[in-house]
Amino acid sequence: IVSLAVTDLLLGLLVLPFSALYELNKQWLLGSIFCNIYVSLDVMLCTASILNLFMISLDRYFAVTTPLRYCQVVTRFRVAVGLVAIWTVSLMVSFLPI
C-alpha cells in the first residue's frame, strides 16, 4: 500500500502539473527532451500503480482463500521480490524504448 501511495504521489507531483499546463496551452511548451521524460514518467508511474493494485489484490486473494497458510505463502522476501519486480517492469516498459 505504501508503494501505491508513493507511486500516486509521484504521479501527482511529477506528471499531472505538466498535463495541466499542456491542457491549458493546447501545445507542449517545454521542449522535445522533456516531453520524452514526461511521457516516460507518465507510463512508468501509471504502470507501477496498476501493478501495485494487482499485487494488493493478489495478497487479498491469498488472505481470503488460504488464511491458515497466509503467513507461509506471503513472506517478507516474496513481498520484496514483488516490489522489485513492479518497479523493474515499470522502468523497462517506460524508459527502455526511449
PDB file of N, CA and C in Angstrom:
ATOM      1  N   ILE A   1       0.833  -1.189   0.000  1.00  0.00           N
ATOM      2  CA  ILE A   1       0.000   0.000   0.000  1.00  0.00           C
ATOM      3  C   ILE A   1       0.875   1.249   0.000  1.00  0.00           C
ATOM      4  N   VAL A   2       2.012   1.189   0.700  1.00  0.00           N
ATOM      5  CA  VAL A   2       2.921   2.337   0.720  1.00  0.00           C
ATOM      6  C   VAL A   2       3.487   2.583  -0.674  1.00  0.00           C
ATOM      7  N   SER A   3       3.821   1.521  -1.377  1.00  0.00           N
ATOM      8  CA  SER A   3       4.335   1.661  -2.738  1.00  0.00           C
ATOM      9  C   SER A   3       3.296   2.299  -3.655  1.00  0.00           C
ATOM     10  N   LEU A   4       2.049   1.906  -3.518  1.00  0.00           N
ATOM     11  CA  LEU A   4       0.971   2.507  -4.301  1.00  0.00           C
ATOM     12  C   LEU A   4       0.812   3.980  -3.955  1.00  0.00           C
ATOM     13  N   ALA A   5       0.883   4.316  -2.674  1.00  0.00           N
ATOM     14  CA  ALA A   5       0.760   5.711  -2.253  1.00  0.00           C
ATOM     15  C   ALA A   5       1.904   6.561  -2.804  1.00  0.00           C
ATOM     16  N   VAL A   6       3.122   6.032  -2.758  1.00  0.00           N
ATOM     17  CA  VAL A   6       4.278   6.763  -3.290  1.00  0.00           C
ATOM     18  C   VAL A   6       4.138   6.946  -4.794  1.00  0.00           C
ATOM     19  N   THR A   7       3.705   5.904  -5.471  1.00  0.00           N
ATOM     20  CA  THR A   7       3.507   5.975  -6.913  1.00  0.00           C
ATOM     21  C   THR A   7       2.495   7.060  -7.279  1.00  0.00           C
ATOM     22  N   ASP A   8       1.370   7.059  -6.598  1.00  0.00           N
ATOM     23  CA  ASP A   8       0.335   8.048  -6.905  1.00  0.00           C
ATOM     24  C   ASP A   8       0.761   9.459  -6.516  1.00  0.00           C
ATOM     25  N   LEU A   9       1.525   9.585  -5.438  1.00  0.00           N
ATOM     26  CA  LEU A   9       2.049  10.899  -5.056  1.00  0.00           C
ATOM     27  C   LEU A   9       3.015  11.425  -6.111  1.00  0.00           C
ATOM     28  N   LEU A  10       3.915  10.570  -6.580  1.00  0.00           N
ATOM     29  CA  LEU A  10       4.853  10.979  -7.630  1.00  0.00           C
ATOM     30  C   LEU A  10       4.121  11.329  -8.922  1.00  0.00           C
ATOM     31  N   LEU A  11       3.084  10.594  -9.237  1.00  0.00           N
ATOM     32  CA  LEU A  11       2.289  10.904 -10.420  1.00  0.00           C
ATOM     33  C   LEU A  11       1.668  12.293 -10.285  1.00  0.00           C
ATOM     34  N   GLY A  12       1.144  12.586  -9.100  1.00  0.00           N
ATOM     35  CA  GLY A  12       0.531  13.890  -8.869  1.00  0.00           C
ATOM     36  C   GLY A  12       1.530  15.037  -8.870  1.00  0.00           C
ATOM     37  N   LEU A  13       2.763  14.769  -8.454  1.00  0.00           N
ATOM     38  CA  LEU A  13       3.769  15.827  -8.388  1.00  0.00           C
ATOM     39  C   LEU A  13       4.573  15.993  -9.672  1.00  0.00           C
ATOM     40  N   LEU A  14       4.875  14.890 -10.352  1.00  0.00           N
ATOM     41  CA  LEU A  14       5.791  14.943 -11.495  1.00  0.00           C
ATOM     42  C   LEU A  14       5.116  14.913 -12.860  1.00  0.00           C
ATOM     43  N   VAL A  15       3.865  14.477 -12.919  1.00  0.00           N
ATOM     44  CA  VAL A  15       3.212  14.324 -14.220  1.00  0.00           C
ATOM     45  C   VAL A  15       2.009  15.247 -14.378  1.00  0.00           C
ATOM     46  N   LEU A  16       1.125  15.241 -13.419  1.00  0.00           N
ATOM     47  CA  LEU A  16      -0.130  15.976 -13.567  1.00  0.00           C
ATOM     48  C   LEU A  16       0.019  17.492 -13.724  1.00  0.00           C
ATOM     49  N   PRO A  17       0.980  18.164 -13.060  1.00  0.00           N
ATOM     50  CA  PRO A  17       1.117  19.606 -13.321  1.00  0.00           C
ATOM     51  C   PRO A  17       1.454  19.918 -14.780  1.00  0.00           C
ATOM     52  N   PHE A  18       2.273  19.086 -15.387  1.00  0.00           N
ATOM     53  CA  PHE A  18       2.648  19.315 -16.781  1.00  0.00           C
ATOM     54  C   PHE A  18       1.512  18.933 -17.731  1.00  0.00           C
ATOM     55  N   SER A  19       0.700  17.969 -17.325  1.00  0.00           N
ATOM     56  CA  SER A  19      -0.501  17.642 -18.097  1.00  0.00           C
ATOM     57  C   SER A  19      -1.476  18.816 -18.077  1.00  0.00           C
ATOM     58  N   ALA A  20      -1.614  19.435 -16.918  1.00  0.00           N
ATOM     59  CA  ALA A  20      -2.495  20.597 -16.803  1.00  0.00           C
ATOM     60  C   ALA A  20      -1.974  21.759 -17.651  1.00  0.00           C
ATOM     61  N   LEU A  21      -0.669  21.969 -17.631  1.00  0.00           N
ATOM     62  CA  LEU A  21      -0.060  23.023 -18.450  1.00  0.00           C
ATOM     63  C   LEU A  21      -0.312  22.771 -19.935  1.00  0.00           C
ATOM     64  N   TYR A  22      -0.163  21.529 -20.341  1.00  0.00           N
ATOM     65  CA  TYR A  22      -0.416  21.169 -21.740  1.00  0.00           C
ATOM     66  C   TYR A  22      -1.884  21.388 -22.109  1.00  0.00           C
ATOM     67  N   GLU A  23      -2.792  21.010 -21.227  1.00  0.00           N
ATOM     68  CA  GLU A  23      -4.227  21.191 -21.497  1.00  0.00           C
ATOM     69  C   GLU A  23      -4.608  22.658 -21.572  1.00  0.00           C
ATOM     70  N   LEU A  24      -4.011  23.485 -20.737  1.00  0.00           N
ATOM     71  CA  LEU A  24      -4.334  24.912 -20.748  1.00  0.00           C
ATOM     72  C   LEU A  24      -3.811  25.619 -21.985  1.00  0.00           C
ATOM     73  N   ASN A  25      -2.613  25.247 -22.435  1.00  0.00           N
ATOM     74  CA  ASN A  25      -1.988  25.927 -23.573  1.00  0.00           C
ATOM     75  C   ASN A  25      -2.280  25.284 -24.921  1.00  0.00           C
ATOM     76  N   LYS A  26      -2.806  24.066 -24.918  1.00  0.00           N
ATOM     77  CA  LYS A  26      -3.108  23.320 -26.146  1.00  0.00           C
ATOM     78  C   LYS A  26      -1.869  23.032 -26.995  1.00  0.00           C
ATOM     79  N   GLN A  27      -0.688  23.202 -26.405  1.00  0.00           N
ATOM     80  CA  GLN A  27       0.557  22.830 -27.076  1.00  0.00           C
ATOM     81  C   GLN A  27       1.637  22.581 -26.027  1.00  0.00           C
ATOM     82  N   TRP A  28       2.638  21.792 -26.402  1.00  0.00           N
ATOM     83  CA  TRP A  28       3.720  21.473 -25.480  1.00  0.00           C
ATOM     84  C   TRP A  28       4.770  22.570 -25.575  1.00  0.00           C
ATOM     85  N   LEU A  29       5.047  23.224 -24.456  1.00  0.00           N
ATOM     86  CA  LEU A  29       5.961  24.370 -24.437  1.00  0.00           C
ATOM     87  C   LEU A  29       7.346  24.050 -23.885  1.00  0.00           C
ATOM     88  N   LEU A  30       7.571  22.841 -23.430  1.00  0.00           N
ATOM     89  CA  LEU A  30       8.771  22.543 -22.652  1.00  0.00           C
ATOM     90  C   LEU A  30       9.862  21.780 -23.409  1.00  0.00           C
ATOM     91  N   GLY A  31       9.775  21.660 -24.702  1.00  0.00           N
ATOM     92  CA  GLY A  31      10.828  21.032 -25.487  1.00  0.00           C
ATOM     93  C   GLY A  31      10.659  19.530 -25.646  1.00  0.00           C
ATOM     94  N   SER A  32      11.339  19.004 -26.654  1.00  0.00           N
ATOM     95  CA  SER A  32      11.159  17.598 -27.004  1.00  0.00           C
ATOM     96  C   SER A  32      11.830  16.646 -26.010  1.00  0.00           C
ATOM     97  N   ILE A  33      12.963  17.045 -25.440  1.00  0.00           N
ATOM     98  CA  ILE A  33      13.649  16.162 -24.483  1.00  0.00           C
ATOM     99  C   ILE A  33      12.798  15.995 -23.231  1.00  0.00           C
ATOM    100  N   PHE A  34      12.278  17.103 -22.696  1.00  0.00           N
ATOM    101  CA  PHE A  34      11.432  16.996 -21.509  1.00  0.00           C
ATOM    102  C   PHE A  34      10.114  16.307 -21.841  1.00  0.00           C
ATOM    103  N   CYS A  35       9.662  16.411 -23.076  1.00  0.00           N
ATOM    104  CA  CYS A  35       8.449  15.702 -23.491  1.00  0.00           C
ATOM    105  C   CYS A  35       8.665  14.191 -23.380  1.00  0.00           C
ATOM    106  N   ASN A  36       9.820  13.715 -23.833  1.00  0.00           N
ATOM    107  CA  ASN A  36      10.134  12.284 -23.721  1.00  0.00           C
ATOM    108  C   ASN A  36      10.221  11.845 -22.263  1.00  0.00           C
ATOM    109  N   ILE A  37      10.829  12.676 -21.420  1.00  0.00           N
ATOM    110  CA  ILE A  37      10.921  12.355 -19.998  1.00  0.00           C
ATOM    111  C   ILE A  37       9.532  12.336 -19.376  1.00  0.00           C
ATOM    112  N   TYR A  38       8.726  13.325 -19.724  1.00  0.00           N
ATOM    113  CA  TYR A  38       7.360  13.426 -19.200  1.00  0.00           C
ATOM    114  C   TYR A  38       6.528  12.193 -19.576  1.00  0.00           C
ATOM    115  N   VAL A  39       6.576  11.799 -20.824  1.00  0.00           N
ATOM    116  CA  VAL A  39       5.803  10.641 -21.284  1.00  0.00           C
ATOM    117  C   VAL A  39       6.306   9.366 -20.609  1.00  0.00           C
ATOM    118  N   SER A  40       7.622   9.228 -20.470  1.00  0.00           N
ATOM    119  CA  SER A  40       8.181   8.045 -19.819  1.00  0.00           C
ATOM    120  C   SER A  40       7.788   7.982 -18.350  1.00  0.00           C
ATOM    121  N   LEU A  41       7.836   9.117 -17.664  1.00  0.00           N
ATOM    122  CA  LEU A  41       7.397   9.146 -16.272  1.00  0.00           C
ATOM    123  C   LEU A  41       5.923   8.794 -16.148  1.00  0.00           C
ATOM    124  N   ASP A  42       5.129   9.312 -17.059  1.00  0.00           N
ATOM    125  CA  ASP A  42       3.700   9.032 -17.045  1.00  0.00           C
ATOM    126  C   ASP A  42       3.442   7.534 -17.203  1.00  0.00           C
ATOM    127  N   VAL A  43       4.076   6.924 -18.188  1.00  0.00           N
ATOM    128  CA  VAL A  43       3.897   5.497 -18.441  1.00  0.00           C
ATOM    129  C   VAL A  43       4.436   4.672 -17.269  1.00  0.00           C
ATOM    130  N   MET A  44       5.613   5.049 -16.761  1.00  0.00           N
ATOM    131  CA  MET A  44       6.215   4.298 -15.659  1.00  0.00           C
ATOM    132  C   MET A  44       5.331   4.328 -14.418  1.00  0.00           C
ATOM    133  N   LEU A  45       4.874   5.509 -14.033  1.00  0.00           N
ATOM    134  CA  LEU A  45       4.106   5.630 -12.808  1.00  0.00           C
ATOM    135  C   LEU A  45       2.710   5.027 -12.938  1.00  0.00           C
ATOM    136  N   CYS A  46       2.099   5.155 -14.101  1.00  0.00           N
ATOM    137  CA  CYS A  46       0.789   4.512 -14.300  1.00  0.00           C
ATOM    138  C   CYS A  46       0.921   2.991 -14.297  1.00  0.00           C
ATOM    139  N   THR A  47       1.970   2.474 -14.921  1.00  0.00           N
ATOM    140  CA  THR A  47       2.219   1.030 -14.917  1.00  0.00           C
ATOM    141  C   THR A  47       2.493   0.539 -13.498  1.00  0.00           C
ATOM    142  N   ALA A  48       3.309   1.269 -12.754  1.00  0.00           N
ATOM    143  CA  ALA A  48       3.602   0.892 -11.378  1.00  0.00           C
ATOM    144  C   ALA A  48       2.334   0.916 -10.526  1.00  0.00           C
ATOM    145  N   SER A  49       1.488   1.890 -10.747  1.00  0.00           N
ATOM    146  CA  SER A  49       0.234   1.972  -9.997  1.00  0.00           C
ATOM    147  C   SER A  49      -0.656   0.764 -10.278  1.00  0.00           C
ATOM    148  N   ILE A  50      -0.785   0.408 -11.531  1.00  0.00           N
ATOM    149  CA  ILE A  50      -1.602  -0.746 -11.916  1.00  0.00           C
ATOM    150  C   ILE A  50      -1.026  -2.036 -11.337  1.00  0.00           C
ATOM    151  N   LEU A  51       0.288  -2.203 -11.423  1.00  0.00           N
ATOM    152  CA  LEU A  51       0.916  -3.413 -10.900  1.00  0.00           C
ATOM    153  C   LEU A  51       0.834  -3.478  -9.374  1.00  0.00           C
ATOM    154  N   ASN A  52       0.915  -2.335  -8.707  1.00  0.00           N
ATOM    155  CA  ASN A  52       0.724  -2.313  -7.254  1.00  0.00           C
ATOM    156  C   ASN A  52      -0.684  -2.756  -6.893  1.00  0.00           C
ATOM    157  N   LEU A  53      -1.672  -2.276  -7.616  1.00  0.00           N
ATOM    158  CA  LEU A  53      -3.049  -2.705  -7.369  1.00  0.00           C
ATOM    159  C   LEU A  53      -3.212  -4.205  -7.610  1.00  0.00           C
ATOM    160  N   PHE A  54      -2.543  -4.721  -8.636  1.00  0.00           N
ATOM    161  CA  PHE A  54      -2.585  -6.150  -8.908  1.00  0.00           C
ATOM    162  C   PHE A  54      -1.993  -6.950  -7.750  1.00  0.00           C
ATOM    163  N   MET A  55      -0.832  -6.509  -7.246  1.00  0.00           N
ATOM    164  CA  MET A  55      -0.194  -7.227  -6.130  1.00  0.00           C
ATOM    165  C   MET A  55      -1.034  -7.145  -4.859  1.00  0.00           C
ATOM    166  N   ILE A  56      -1.678  -6.012  -4.616  1.00  0.00           N
ATOM    167  CA  ILE A  56      -2.546  -5.894  -3.447  1.00  0.00           C
ATOM    168  C   ILE A  56      -3.723  -6.859  -3.574  1.00  0.00           C
ATOM    169  N   SER A  57      -4.297  -6.938  -4.766  1.00  0.00           N
ATOM    170  CA  SER A  57      -5.424  -7.863  -4.955  1.00  0.00           C
ATOM    171  C   SER A  57      -4.973  -9.310  -4.837  1.00  0.00           C
ATOM    172  N   LEU A  58      -3.778  -9.622  -5.307  1.00  0.00           N
ATOM    173  CA  LEU A  58      -3.228 -10.970  -5.152  1.00  0.00           C
ATOM    174  C   LEU A  58      -3.009 -11.298  -3.673  1.00  0.00           C
ATOM    175  N   ASP A  59      -2.505 -10.344  -2.921  1.00  0.00           N
ATOM    176  CA  ASP A  59      -2.325 -10.522  -1.486  1.00  0.00           C
ATOM    177  C   ASP A  59      -3.656 -10.784  -0.793  1.00  0.00           C
ATOM    178  N   ARG A  60      -4.677 -10.026  -1.126  1.00  0.00           N
ATOM    179  CA  ARG A  60      -6.001 -10.211  -0.527  1.00  0.00           C
ATOM    180  C   ARG A  60      -6.609 -11.545  -0.934  1.00  0.00           C
ATOM    181  N   TYR A  61      -6.338 -11.984  -2.166  1.00  0.00           N
ATOM    182  CA  TYR A  61      -6.820 -13.290  -2.618  1.00  0.00           C
ATOM    183  C   TYR A  61      -6.245 -14.398  -1.741  1.00  0.00           C
ATOM    184  N   PHE A  62      -4.919 -14.351  -1.515  1.00  0.00           N
ATOM    185  CA  PHE A  62      -4.291 -15.366  -0.667  1.00  0.00           C
ATOM    186  C   PHE A  62      -4.789 -15.280   0.768  1.00  0.00           C
ATOM    187  N   ALA A  63      -5.047 -14.074   1.255  1.00  0.00           N
ATOM    188  CA  ALA A  63      -5.546 -13.917   2.629  1.00  0.00           C
ATOM    189  C   ALA A  63      -6.929 -14.530   2.795  1.00  0.00           C
ATOM    190  N   VAL A  64      -7.749 -14.471   1.740  1.00  0.00           N
ATOM    191  CA  VAL A  64      -9.116 -14.995   1.828  1.00  0.00           C
ATOM    192  C   VAL A  64      -9.154 -16.496   1.550  1.00  0.00           C
ATOM    193  N   THR A  65      -8.406 -16.946   0.557  1.00  0.00           N
ATOM    194  CA  THR A  65      -8.503 -18.359   0.157  1.00  0.00           C
ATOM    195  C   THR A  65      -7.672 -19.297   1.023  1.00  0.00           C
ATOM    196  N   THR A  66      -6.559 -18.817   1.567  1.00  0.00           N
ATOM    197  CA  THR A  66      -5.711 -19.667   2.413  1.00  0.00           C
ATOM    198  C   THR A  66      -5.331 -18.922   3.693  1.00  0.00           C
ATOM    199  N   PRO A  67      -6.299 -18.630   4.539  1.00  0.00           N
ATOM    200  CA  PRO A  67      -5.989 -17.821   5.727  1.00  0.00           C
ATOM    201  C   PRO A  67      -5.040 -18.502   6.716  1.00  0.00           C
ATOM    202  N   LEU A  68      -5.083 -19.826   6.796  1.00  0.00           N
ATOM    203  CA  LEU A  68      -4.212 -20.512   7.743  1.00  0.00           C
ATOM    204  C   LEU A  68      -2.773 -20.615   7.247  1.00  0.00           C
ATOM    205  N   ARG A  69      -2.590 -20.585   5.936  1.00  0.00           N
ATOM    206  CA  ARG A  69      -1.247 -20.667   5.348  1.00  0.00           C
ATOM    207  C   ARG A  69      -0.744 -19.319   4.851  1.00  0.00           C
ATOM    208  N   TYR A  70      -1.495 -18.266   5.098  1.00  0.00           N
ATOM    209  CA  TYR A  70      -1.159 -16.936   4.558  1.00  0.00           C
ATOM    210  C   TYR A  70       0.257 -16.504   4.939  1.00  0.00           C
ATOM    211  N   CYS A  71       0.639 -16.681   6.185  1.00  0.00           N
ATOM    212  CA  CYS A  71       1.967 -16.260   6.647  1.00  0.00           C
ATOM    213  C   CYS A  71       3.093 -17.079   5.998  1.00  0.00           C
ATOM    214  N   GLN A  72       2.777 -18.293   5.577  1.00  0.00           N
ATOM    215  CA  GLN A  72       3.771 -19.105   4.887  1.00  0.00           C
ATOM    216  C   GLN A  72       3.863 -18.745   3.411  1.00  0.00           C
ATOM    217  N   VAL A  73       2.739 -18.351   2.830  1.00  0.00           N
ATOM    218  CA  VAL A  73       2.705 -18.023   1.399  1.00  0.00           C
ATOM    219  C   VAL A  73       3.234 -16.620   1.146  1.00  0.00           C
ATOM    220  N   VAL A  74       2.806 -15.655   1.944  1.00  0.00           N
ATOM    221  CA  VAL A  74       3.205 -14.262   1.761  1.00  0.00           C
ATOM    222  C   VAL A  74       4.262 -13.926   2.819  1.00  0.00           C
ATOM    223  N   THR A  75       5.527 -13.988   2.389  1.00  0.00           N
ATOM    224  CA  THR A  75       6.643 -13.695   3.288  1.00  0.00           C
ATOM    225  C   THR A  75       7.236 -12.326   2.953  1.00  0.00           C
ATOM    226  N   ARG A  76       8.043 -11.825   3.846  1.00  0.00           N
ATOM    227  CA  ARG A  76       8.706 -10.531   3.582  1.00  0.00           C
ATOM    228  C   ARG A  76       9.566 -10.600   2.327  1.00  0.00           C
ATOM    229  N   PHE A  77      10.243 -11.721   2.139  1.00  0.00           N
ATOM    230  CA  PHE A  77      11.097 -11.876   0.961  1.00  0.00           C
ATOM    231  C   PHE A  77      10.273 -11.820  -0.322  1.00  0.00           C
ATOM    232  N   ARG A  78       9.148 -12.511  -0.353  1.00  0.00           N
ATOM    233  CA  ARG A  78       8.300 -12.518  -1.544  1.00  0.00           C
ATOM    234  C   ARG A  78       7.689 -11.145  -1.810  1.00  0.00           C
ATOM    235  N   VAL A  79       7.353 -10.446  -0.757  1.00  0.00           N
ATOM    236  CA  VAL A  79       6.840  -9.081  -0.926  1.00  0.00           C
ATOM    237  C   VAL A  79       7.934  -8.192  -1.515  1.00  0.00           C
ATOM    238  N   ALA A  80       9.160  -8.312  -1.019  1.00  0.00           N
ATOM    239  CA  ALA A  80      10.279  -7.528  -1.534  1.00  0.00           C
ATOM    240  C   ALA A  80      10.543  -7.853  -3.005  1.00  0.00           C
ATOM    241  N   VAL A  81      10.495  -9.133  -3.339  1.00  0.00           N
ATOM    242  CA  VAL A  81      10.686  -9.537  -4.741  1.00  0.00           C
ATOM    243  C   VAL A  81       9.575  -8.954  -5.612  1.00  0.00           C
ATOM    244  N   GLY A  82       8.350  -8.972  -5.110  1.00  0.00           N
ATOM    245  CA  GLY A  82       7.231  -8.388  -5.856  1.00  0.00           C
ATOM    246  C   GLY A  82       7.406  -6.901  -6.094  1.00  0.00           C
ATOM    247  N   LEU A  83       7.864  -6.170  -5.074  1.00  0.00           N
ATOM    248  CA  LEU A  83       8.085  -4.731  -5.232  1.00  0.00           C
ATOM    249  C   LEU A  83       9.205  -4.437  -6.233  1.00  0.00           C
ATOM    250  N   VAL A  84      10.273  -5.213  -6.157  1.00  0.00           N
ATOM    251  CA  VAL A  84      11.368  -5.036  -7.120  1.00  0.00           C
ATOM    252  C   VAL A  84      10.870  -5.337  -8.530  1.00  0.00           C
ATOM    253  N   ALA A  85      10.066  -6.370  -8.675  1.00  0.00           N
ATOM    254  CA  ALA A  85       9.523  -6.723  -9.997  1.00  0.00           C
ATOM    255  C   ALA A  85       8.613  -5.619 -10.528  1.00  0.00           C
ATOM    256  N   ILE A  86       7.778  -5.067  -9.665  1.00  0.00           N
ATOM    257  CA  ILE A  86       6.877  -3.983 -10.088  1.00  0.00           C
ATOM    258  C   ILE A  86       7.672  -2.819 -10.653  1.00  0.00           C
ATOM    259  N   TRP A  87       8.663  -2.356  -9.908  1.00  0.00           N
ATOM    260  CA  TRP A  87       9.409  -1.180 -10.347  1.00  0.00           C
ATOM    261  C   TRP A  87      10.341  -1.490 -11.517  1.00  0.00           C
ATOM    262  N   THR A  88      10.876  -2.699 -11.589  1.00  0.00           N
ATOM    263  CA  THR A  88      11.728  -3.073 -12.724  1.00  0.00           C
ATOM    264  C   THR A  88      10.918  -3.128 -14.009  1.00  0.00           C
ATOM    265  N   VAL A  89       9.775  -3.784 -13.974  1.00  0.00           N
ATOM    266  CA  VAL A  89       8.914  -3.856 -15.157  1.00  0.00           C
ATOM    267  C   VAL A  89       8.464  -2.457 -15.573  1.00  0.00           C
ATOM    268  N   SER A  90       8.095  -1.635 -14.613  1.00  0.00           N
ATOM    269  CA  SER A  90       7.638  -0.280 -14.923  1.00  0.00           C
ATOM    270  C   SER A  90       8.749   0.534 -15.583  1.00  0.00           C
ATOM    271  N   LEU A  91       9.952   0.422 -15.068  1.00  0.00           N
ATOM    272  CA  LEU A  91      11.086   1.142 -15.675  1.00  0.00           C
ATOM    273  C   LEU A  91      11.395   0.632 -17.081  1.00  0.00           C
ATOM    274  N   MET A  92      11.361  -0.687 -17.259  1.00  0.00           N
ATOM    275  CA  MET A  92      11.682  -1.256 -18.567  1.00  0.00           C
ATOM    276  C   MET A  92      10.631  -0.906 -19.606  1.00  0.00           C
ATOM    277  N   VAL A  93       9.383  -0.870 -19.207  1.00  0.00           N
ATOM    278  CA  VAL A  93       8.301  -0.552 -20.138  1.00  0.00           C
ATOM    279  C   VAL A  93       8.347   0.910 -20.569  1.00  0.00           C
ATOM    280  N   SER A  94       8.802   1.784 -19.670  1.00  0.00           N
ATOM    281  CA  SER A  94       8.701   3.217 -19.958  1.00  0.00           C
ATOM    282  C   SER A  94       9.989   3.827 -20.506  1.00  0.00           C
ATOM    283  N   PHE A  95      11.104   3.607 -19.857  1.00  0.00           N
ATOM    284  CA  PHE A  95      12.325   4.289 -20.264  1.00  0.00           C
ATOM    285  C   PHE A  95      13.161   3.512 -21.265  1.00  0.00           C
ATOM    286  N   LEU A  96      13.034   2.204 -21.309  1.00  0.00           N
ATOM    287  CA  LEU A  96      13.818   1.398 -22.231  1.00  0.00           C
ATOM    288  C   LEU A  96      13.552   1.725 -23.694  1.00  0.00           C
ATOM    289  N   PRO A  97      12.293   1.931 -24.105  1.00  0.00           N
ATOM    290  CA  PRO A  97      12.053   2.266 -25.515  1.00  0.00           C
ATOM    291  C   PRO A  97      12.692   3.577 -25.966  1.00  0.00           C
ATOM    292  N   ILE A  98      12.891   4.500 -25.043  1.00  0.00           N
ATOM    293  CA  ILE A  98      13.486   5.786 -25.421  1.00  0.00           C
ATOM    294  C   ILE A  98      14.988   5.637 -25.562  1.00  0.00           C
TER     295      ILE A  98
END
